[in-house]
Protein backbone atom coordinates (compact mmCIF):
# COMPACT_ATOMS: atom_id res chain seq x y z
CA UNK A 1 68.02 67.17 87.11
CA UNK A 2 69.52 68.89 89.79
CA UNK A 3 69.14 68.06 93.40
CA UNK A 4 65.91 69.48 94.99
CA UNK A 5 62.43 69.51 93.32
CA UNK A 6 61.17 72.03 90.90
CA UNK A 7 57.74 73.69 91.73
CA UNK A 8 55.57 73.51 88.66
CA UNK A 9 53.11 76.67 88.07
CA UNK A 10 50.28 74.72 89.58
CA UNK A 11 52.58 73.78 92.60
CA UNK A 12 52.25 77.25 94.22
CA UNK A 13 49.71 80.06 94.36
CA UNK A 14 52.15 82.61 96.10
CA UNK A 15 51.94 85.85 94.40
CA UNK A 16 56.03 86.21 94.34
CA UNK A 17 56.16 82.61 92.46
CA UNK A 18 53.18 83.55 90.40
CA UNK A 19 54.86 87.07 89.45
CA UNK A 20 58.44 85.74 88.91
CA UNK A 21 56.89 83.04 86.79
CA UNK A 22 54.96 85.56 84.44
CA UNK A 23 57.65 87.70 84.28
CA UNK A 24 60.43 85.03 83.11
CA UNK A 25 58.19 82.21 81.63
CA UNK A 26 54.93 84.20 80.20
CA UNK A 27 52.06 81.78 80.72
CA UNK A 28 54.11 78.43 80.53
CA UNK A 29 55.06 75.92 83.04
CA UNK A 30 58.80 76.21 83.67
CA UNK A 31 59.11 72.69 84.64
CA UNK A 32 57.25 71.19 82.02
CA UNK A 33 58.67 73.63 79.34
CA UNK A 34 61.84 74.87 80.55
CA UNK A 35 64.12 77.85 79.22
CA UNK A 36 64.50 81.54 79.80
CA UNK A 37 65.29 84.32 77.61
CA UNK A 38 68.96 84.21 78.62
CA UNK A 39 69.39 80.59 77.33
CA UNK A 40 69.36 78.93 80.69
CA UNK A 41 66.89 76.14 81.67
CA UNK A 42 65.37 78.10 84.53
CA UNK A 43 65.51 75.76 87.32
CA UNK A 44 67.18 77.94 89.70
CA UNK A 45 64.00 79.98 89.65
CA UNK A 46 61.71 76.93 89.90
CA UNK A 47 63.96 75.28 92.78
CA UNK A 48 63.94 78.61 94.74
CA UNK A 49 60.32 78.79 94.38
CA UNK A 50 60.09 75.95 97.24
CA UNK A 51 60.39 78.83 99.89
CA UNK A 52 58.55 81.88 98.46
CA UNK A 53 60.29 84.20 100.84
CA UNK A 54 63.66 83.01 99.84
CA UNK A 55 62.94 83.33 96.38
CA UNK A 56 61.58 87.01 97.21
CA UNK A 57 64.88 87.96 99.07
CA UNK A 58 66.85 87.00 95.97
CA UNK A 59 64.73 88.72 93.88
CA UNK A 60 65.38 92.13 95.94
CA UNK A 61 69.13 91.37 95.55
CA UNK A 62 68.56 91.59 91.86
CA UNK A 63 66.66 94.70 91.78
CA UNK A 64 69.14 96.52 94.36
CA UNK A 65 72.14 95.83 92.36
CA UNK A 66 70.40 96.93 88.97
CA UNK A 67 68.71 99.91 90.78
CA UNK A 68 69.69 103.63 89.35
CA UNK A 69 70.50 104.49 92.63
CA UNK A 70 73.68 102.53 92.42
CA UNK A 71 77.19 104.57 92.20
CA UNK A 72 79.14 101.92 90.83
CA UNK A 73 79.98 101.55 87.12
CA UNK A 74 77.94 98.99 85.72
CA UNK A 75 80.74 97.77 83.67
CA UNK A 76 83.22 97.16 86.61
CA UNK A 77 80.32 95.71 88.71
CA UNK A 78 79.59 92.91 85.81
CA UNK A 79 83.46 92.48 85.74
CA UNK A 80 83.43 91.65 89.30
CA UNK A 81 80.42 89.31 88.99
CA UNK A 82 81.69 87.49 86.12
CA UNK A 83 84.81 86.98 87.63
CA UNK A 84 83.46 85.80 90.75
CA UNK A 85 81.54 83.35 88.89
CA UNK A 86 84.81 82.13 87.57
CA UNK A 87 86.58 82.03 90.58
CA UNK A 88 84.06 80.03 92.23
CA UNK A 89 83.58 77.74 89.73
CA UNK A 90 80.10 78.40 88.83
CA UNK A 91 79.62 78.04 85.30
CA UNK A 92 76.05 79.59 85.66
CA UNK A 93 77.09 83.06 87.37
CA UNK A 94 80.11 83.59 85.17
CA UNK A 95 77.92 82.95 81.58
CA UNK A 96 75.38 85.03 82.68
CA UNK A 97 77.51 87.74 83.64
CA UNK A 98 79.61 87.54 80.40
CA UNK A 99 76.56 87.71 79.14
CA UNK A 100 75.40 91.02 80.86
CA UNK A 101 78.95 92.46 79.67
CA UNK A 102 78.12 92.10 76.29
CA UNK A 103 75.03 93.72 76.58
CA UNK A 104 76.69 96.60 78.01
CA UNK A 105 78.74 96.73 75.06
CA UNK A 106 82.02 95.18 76.33
CA UNK A 107 84.29 94.28 73.64
CA UNK A 108 84.58 90.15 73.46
CA UNK A 109 88.03 90.42 73.28
CA UNK A 110 87.57 91.61 77.11
CA UNK A 111 85.10 89.08 78.47
CA UNK A 112 87.26 86.15 76.80
CA UNK A 113 90.13 87.41 78.69
CA UNK A 114 88.59 87.27 82.13
CA UNK A 115 89.72 83.87 83.01
CA UNK A 116 93.43 85.05 82.64
CA UNK A 117 93.13 88.43 83.31
CA UNK A 118 96.23 88.91 84.79
CA UNK A 119 98.18 87.99 81.51
CA UNK A 120 95.68 90.30 79.48
CA UNK A 121 96.58 94.03 78.43
CA UNK A 122 92.77 94.90 77.40
CA UNK A 123 91.98 96.06 80.84
CA UNK A 124 92.74 99.35 82.41
CA UNK A 125 94.16 100.12 85.74
CA UNK A 126 91.18 100.15 87.62
CA UNK A 127 89.50 97.12 85.87
CA UNK A 128 92.59 95.39 87.05
CA UNK A 129 92.12 96.39 90.59
CA UNK A 130 88.36 95.57 90.51
CA UNK A 131 89.50 91.93 89.19
CA UNK A 132 92.17 91.54 91.68
CA UNK A 133 89.71 92.46 94.69
CA UNK A 134 87.12 90.19 93.14
CA UNK A 135 89.76 87.61 93.65
CA UNK A 136 90.47 88.19 97.12
CA UNK A 137 86.66 88.07 97.94
CA UNK A 138 86.49 84.46 96.48
CA UNK A 139 89.99 83.01 96.77
CA UNK A 140 91.17 84.35 99.88
CA UNK A 141 87.73 84.47 101.42
CA UNK A 142 87.88 88.55 101.90
CA UNK A 143 91.64 88.77 103.00
CA UNK A 144 92.26 91.91 101.04
CA UNK A 145 96.10 93.50 101.13
CA UNK A 146 95.92 97.16 102.75
CA UNK A 147 97.83 98.30 99.63
CA UNK A 148 95.05 96.71 97.31
CA UNK A 149 92.30 98.27 98.82
CA UNK A 150 94.03 101.48 99.07
CA UNK A 151 94.60 101.38 95.41
CA UNK A 152 91.13 101.06 94.89
CA UNK A 153 90.25 104.08 97.14
CA UNK A 154 92.20 106.15 94.79
CA UNK A 155 89.41 105.77 92.36
CA UNK A 156 86.72 104.67 94.00
CA UNK A 157 84.41 106.37 96.43
CA UNK A 158 83.33 104.85 99.73
CA UNK A 159 79.95 104.01 98.43
CA UNK A 160 81.41 102.35 95.31
CA UNK A 161 83.39 100.12 97.36
CA UNK A 162 80.70 99.08 99.67
CA UNK A 163 78.46 98.48 96.53
CA UNK A 164 81.19 96.48 94.95
CA UNK A 165 81.74 94.50 97.94
CA UNK A 166 78.37 93.59 98.81
CA UNK A 167 77.33 92.90 95.28
CA UNK A 168 80.64 90.44 94.44
CA UNK A 169 80.01 88.80 97.60
CA UNK A 170 76.06 88.42 96.83
CA UNK A 171 77.04 86.71 93.65
CA UNK A 172 79.64 84.70 95.48
CA UNK A 173 76.60 83.65 97.48
CA UNK A 174 74.52 82.60 94.19
CA UNK A 175 77.62 80.81 93.01
CA UNK A 176 77.73 78.63 95.86
CA UNK A 177 74.30 78.02 96.24
CA UNK A 178 73.82 77.06 92.23
CA UNK A 179 77.21 74.72 92.48
CA UNK A 180 75.61 73.03 95.59
CA UNK A 181 72.04 72.70 94.38
CA UNK A 182 73.22 71.86 90.83
CA UNK A 183 71.01 74.08 89.07
CA UNK A 184 71.41 75.69 85.64
CA UNK A 185 74.58 74.79 84.35
CA UNK A 186 76.32 74.03 87.43
CA UNK A 187 74.30 70.83 87.11
CA UNK A 188 77.29 68.31 86.51
CA UNK A 189 79.38 66.34 88.12
CA UNK A 190 82.67 67.68 90.15
CA UNK A 191 85.44 67.23 87.58
CA UNK A 192 87.59 65.20 90.19
CA UNK A 193 84.89 62.78 91.24
CA UNK A 194 85.57 59.43 91.10
CA UNK A 195 89.29 60.16 90.39
CA UNK A 196 90.61 58.16 93.42
CA UNK A 197 89.01 54.80 92.29
CA UNK A 198 90.04 55.38 88.92
CA UNK A 199 93.61 55.72 90.11
CA UNK A 200 93.29 52.63 92.09
CA UNK A 201 91.66 50.40 89.23
CA UNK A 202 94.42 51.71 86.67
CA UNK A 203 97.35 51.06 88.95
CA UNK A 204 99.75 53.55 90.84
CA UNK A 205 100.16 57.18 90.05
CA UNK A 206 103.12 58.17 88.00
CA UNK A 207 105.99 59.86 90.14
């Protein structure tokens, strides 16, 4: 289960770890009795607790993006976060932000269309720009065509664009971290792992 050890409740007396565990798990030991309210096993948190100030930094990021000070529409923010999870191949980030979209009242039709948003008709023009931008951040490593950026700027303020970029790339960070450490639903083998050996064992590939 995962690649790093987890910190049980008795394994840390750091106040940040204690506060996070109390908030998410009540009085349970999340290593002995895993599980969160959103249906994940919770080991993202118990692994991050290995370095309490890193955990604190991550929690500060969550509080920042959920703050009432944000100018960006939460629906568009969550569309970007979910799409980042999909494009980065993180089942954890994708699933959690699909759940967040549903909690915002976004119809299932929209959430279910995220993997192939380009071919869906349920997204408005601004949604499509946001999703295209999220793909540029992940798949093109931040190479965003001027035409796309200027189209976004016609609908979003500079403040909203900064929030969108910061939050989307923050969740790219979380997606990469979760996949690398195999936490939560990202704890699975790479789909191509062992394929080269299988091809050798099964004979030459088809032309």
